[in-house]
Amino acid sequence: MRVLVTGGCGFIGSNLVKKLAELGHSVVSVDDMSSARDDADIFMASLPDVEFIRGCLAGEETLERVKSKSFDTIFHVAAIPRVSFSVEYPSLTTDANINKTVKLLEACRGNISRFIFS
């Protein structure tokens, strides 16, 4: 299975990326590194068969790959998770957690068979 994991260098995403790779899936991870693990570079180096994209989940490169049907499944686990941050910066959080998710979903329409959002 060809899989895209958004937020693949965060806590949940990195564990998901590692398990999917262990199971033999073709994995691409996209992460803007804003909430990445402290050891993200070491983590990425430990999985040479996984393609890591440092960038936005709603960036042109990612959306074009989704539209070109490069993936069978998308696991969308990227987010700004901190409630206190979202209260202090509601526009930034809304853009990251809602608007970018909508852009990704629009690219998926008719191109991706499974979208798992958590």
C-alpha atoms as a PDB file:
ATOM      1  CA  MET A   1       0.000   0.000   0.000  1.00  0.00           C
ATOM      2  CA  ARG A   2       1.237   3.516  -0.839  1.00  0.00           C
ATOM      3  CA  VAL A   3       0.656   5.714   2.181  1.00  0.00           C
ATOM      4  CA  LEU A   4       0.982   9.402   3.026  1.00  0.00           C
ATOM      5  CA  VAL A   5       1.255  10.313   6.701  1.00  0.00           C
ATOM      6  CA  THR A   6       0.822  13.982   7.592  1.00  0.00           C
ATOM      7  CA  GLY A   7       2.585  15.031  10.761  1.00  0.00           C
ATOM      8  CA  GLY A   8       4.860  12.016  10.449  1.00  0.00           C
ATOM      9  CA  CYS A   9       7.550  13.441  12.730  1.00  0.00           C
ATOM     10  CA  GLY A  10       5.238  14.156  15.656  1.00  0.00           C
ATOM     11  CA  PHE A  11       4.547  11.722  18.477  1.00  0.00           C
ATOM     12  CA  ILE A  12       1.594   9.867  16.950  1.00  0.00           C
ATOM     13  CA  GLY A  13       2.749  10.242  13.353  1.00  0.00           C
ATOM     14  CA  SER A  14       6.272   8.960  13.957  1.00  0.00           C
ATOM     15  CA  ASN A  15       4.976   5.806  15.631  1.00  0.00           C
ATOM     16  CA  LEU A  16       2.541   5.298  12.759  1.00  0.00           C
ATOM     17  CA  VAL A  17       5.253   5.872  10.122  1.00  0.00           C
ATOM     18  CA  LYS A  18       7.571   3.393  11.839  1.00  0.00           C
ATOM     19  CA  LYS A  19       4.892   0.682  12.083  1.00  0.00           C
ATOM     20  CA  LEU A  20       3.703   1.139   8.489  1.00  0.00           C
ATOM     21  CA  ALA A  21       7.305   0.890   7.258  1.00  0.00           C
ATOM     22  CA  GLU A  22       7.870  -2.245   9.373  1.00  0.00           C
ATOM     23  CA  LEU A  23       4.795  -3.781   7.756  1.00  0.00           C
ATOM     24  CA  GLY A  24       6.330  -3.184   4.325  1.00  0.00           C
ATOM     25  CA  HIS A  25       4.187  -0.324   3.103  1.00  0.00           C
ATOM     26  CA  SER A  26       5.562   2.416   0.862  1.00  0.00           C
ATOM     27  CA  VAL A  27       5.478   5.442   3.171  1.00  0.00           C
ATOM     28  CA  VAL A  28       5.818   9.150   2.515  1.00  0.00           C
ATOM     29  CA  SER A  29       5.690  11.514   5.477  1.00  0.00           C
ATOM     30  CA  VAL A  30       5.074  15.249   5.272  1.00  0.00           C
ATOM     31  CA  ASP A  31       5.750  17.463   8.276  1.00  0.00           C
ATOM     32  CA  ASP A  32       6.462  21.163   8.693  1.00  0.00           C
ATOM     33  CA  MET A  33       8.467  20.249  11.824  1.00  0.00           C
ATOM     34  CA  SER A  34       6.542  22.699  14.018  1.00  0.00           C
ATOM     35  CA  SER A  35       5.632  19.961  16.518  1.00  0.00           C
ATOM     36  CA  ALA A  36       8.246  17.398  15.580  1.00  0.00           C
ATOM     37  CA  ARG A  37      10.037  15.065  17.937  1.00  0.00           C
ATOM     38  CA  ASP A  38      13.216  16.445  19.493  1.00  0.00           C
ATOM     39  CA  ASP A  39      15.166  13.694  17.735  1.00  0.00           C
ATOM     40  CA  ALA A  40      13.395  14.066  14.372  1.00  0.00           C
ATOM     41  CA  ASP A  41      16.590  14.047  12.305  1.00  0.00           C
ATOM     42  CA  ILE A  42      17.778  10.835  13.973  1.00  0.00           C
ATOM     43  CA  PHE A  43      14.310   9.319  13.567  1.00  0.00           C
ATOM     44  CA  MET A  44      14.199  10.152   9.850  1.00  0.00           C
ATOM     45  CA  ALA A  45      17.705   8.764   9.300  1.00  0.00           C
ATOM     46  CA  SER A  46      16.665   5.509  10.991  1.00  0.00           C
ATOM     47  CA  LEU A  47      14.057   4.842   8.281  1.00  0.00           C
ATOM     48  CA  PRO A  48      15.904   5.079   4.952  1.00  0.00           C
ATOM     49  CA  ASP A  49      13.011   3.526   3.007  1.00  0.00           C
ATOM     50  CA  VAL A  50      10.604   6.261   4.102  1.00  0.00           C
ATOM     51  CA  GLU A  51      10.459   9.474   2.099  1.00  0.00           C
ATOM     52  CA  PHE A  52      10.283  12.529   4.342  1.00  0.00           C
ATOM     53  CA  ILE A  53       9.061  15.850   2.998  1.00  0.00           C
ATOM     54  CA  ARG A  54       9.835  18.882   5.147  1.00  0.00           C
ATOM     55  CA  GLY A  55       6.949  21.119   4.286  1.00  0.00           C
ATOM     56  CA  CYS A  56       3.300  21.942   4.586  1.00  0.00           C
ATOM     57  CA  LEU A  57       0.647  19.235   4.250  1.00  0.00           C
ATOM     58  CA  ALA A  58      -1.254  21.669   2.015  1.00  0.00           C
ATOM     59  CA  GLY A  59       1.825  22.672   0.050  1.00  0.00           C
ATOM     60  CA  GLU A  60       1.862  22.431  -3.731  1.00  0.00           C
ATOM     61  CA  GLU A  61       4.187  19.391  -3.827  1.00  0.00           C
ATOM     62  CA  THR A  62       2.004  17.377  -1.472  1.00  0.00           C
ATOM     63  CA  LEU A  63      -1.299  18.375  -3.086  1.00  0.00           C
ATOM     64  CA  GLU A  64      -0.015  17.584  -6.582  1.00  0.00           C
ATOM     65  CA  ARG A  65       1.110  14.137  -5.479  1.00  0.00           C
ATOM     66  CA  VAL A  66      -2.299  13.505  -3.922  1.00  0.00           C
ATOM     67  CA  LYS A  67      -4.063  14.667  -7.092  1.00  0.00           C
ATOM     68  CA  SER A  68      -1.850  12.418  -9.223  1.00  0.00           C
ATOM     69  CA  LYS A  69      -3.069   9.394  -7.232  1.00  0.00           C
ATOM     70  CA  SER A  70       0.370   8.672  -5.765  1.00  0.00           C
ATOM     71  CA  PHE A  71      -1.199   7.245  -2.611  1.00  0.00           C
ATOM     72  CA  ASP A  72      -3.810   4.639  -1.753  1.00  0.00           C
ATOM     73  CA  THR A  73      -4.351   5.918   1.777  1.00  0.00           C
ATOM     74  CA  ILE A  74      -3.709   9.089   3.750  1.00  0.00           C
ATOM     75  CA  PHE A  75      -3.331   9.108   7.516  1.00  0.00           C
ATOM     76  CA  HIS A  76      -3.887  12.711   8.568  1.00  0.00           C
ATOM     77  CA  VAL A  77      -2.452  13.154  12.062  1.00  0.00           C
ATOM     78  CA  ALA A  78      -0.882  16.611  11.661  1.00  0.00           C
ATOM     79  CA  ALA A  79      -2.236  19.371  13.894  1.00  0.00           C
ATOM     80  CA  ILE A  80      -1.430  22.137  16.300  1.00  0.00           C
ATOM     81  CA  PRO A  81      -2.513  20.228  19.409  1.00  0.00           C
ATOM     82  CA  ARG A  82      -2.123  22.684  22.255  1.00  0.00           C
ATOM     83  CA  VAL A  83      -5.391  24.218  23.506  1.00  0.00           C
ATOM     84  CA  SER A  84      -3.634  27.141  25.195  1.00  0.00           C
ATOM     85  CA  PHE A  85      -1.865  27.964  21.919  1.00  0.00           C
ATOM     86  CA  SER A  86      -5.151  27.839  20.005  1.00  0.00           C
ATOM     87  CA  VAL A  87      -6.739  30.248  22.471  1.00  0.00           C
ATOM     88  CA  GLU A  88      -3.834  32.656  22.124  1.00  0.00           C
ATOM     89  CA  TYR A  89      -3.530  32.275  18.334  1.00  0.00           C
ATOM     90  CA  PRO A  90      -6.967  31.269  16.991  1.00  0.00           C
ATOM     91  CA  SER A  91      -6.388  32.361  13.379  1.00  0.00           C
ATOM     92  CA  LEU A  92      -3.109  30.476  13.061  1.00  0.00           C
ATOM     93  CA  THR A  93      -4.592  27.357  14.647  1.00  0.00           C
ATOM     94  CA  THR A  94      -7.714  27.507  12.476  1.00  0.00           C
ATOM     95  CA  ASP A  95      -5.592  27.807   9.355  1.00  0.00           C
ATOM     96  CA  ALA A  96      -3.385  24.862  10.322  1.00  0.00           C
ATOM     97  CA  ASN A  97      -6.040  22.541  11.720  1.00  0.00           C
ATOM     98  CA  ILE A  98      -9.038  23.330   9.536  1.00  0.00           C
ATOM     99  CA  ASN A  99      -8.183  25.222   6.357  1.00  0.00           C
ATOM    100  CA  LYS A 100      -5.183  23.070   5.445  1.00  0.00           C
ATOM    101  CA  THR A 101      -7.173  19.912   6.173  1.00  0.00           C
ATOM    102  CA  VAL A 102      -9.900  21.128   3.806  1.00  0.00           C
ATOM    103  CA  LYS A 103      -7.298  21.775   1.070  1.00  0.00           C
ATOM    104  CA  LEU A 104      -5.979  18.250   1.533  1.00  0.00           C
ATOM    105  CA  LEU A 105      -9.490  16.785   1.423  1.00  0.00           C
ATOM    106  CA  GLU A 106     -10.274  18.711  -1.768  1.00  0.00           C
ATOM    107  CA  ALA A 107      -7.155  17.249  -3.399  1.00  0.00           C
ATOM    108  CA  CYS A 108      -8.263  13.775  -2.277  1.00  0.00           C
ATOM    109  CA  ARG A 109     -11.689  13.988  -3.919  1.00  0.00           C
ATOM    110  CA  GLY A 110     -11.737  11.327  -6.613  1.00  0.00           C
ATOM    111  CA  ASN A 111      -8.043  10.539  -6.142  1.00  0.00           C
ATOM    112  CA  ILE A 112      -7.644   8.749  -2.805  1.00  0.00           C
ATOM    113  CA  SER A 113      -9.592   5.685  -1.706  1.00  0.00           C
ATOM    114  CA  ARG A 114      -9.027   6.088   2.055  1.00  0.00           C
ATOM    115  CA  PHE A 115      -8.548   9.116   4.259  1.00  0.00           C
ATOM    116  CA  ILE A 116      -8.047   8.428   7.949  1.00  0.00           C
ATOM    117  CA  PHE A 117      -8.326  11.529  10.125  1.00  0.00           C
ATOM    118  CA  SER A 118      -7.450  11.428  13.794  1.00  0.00           C
END
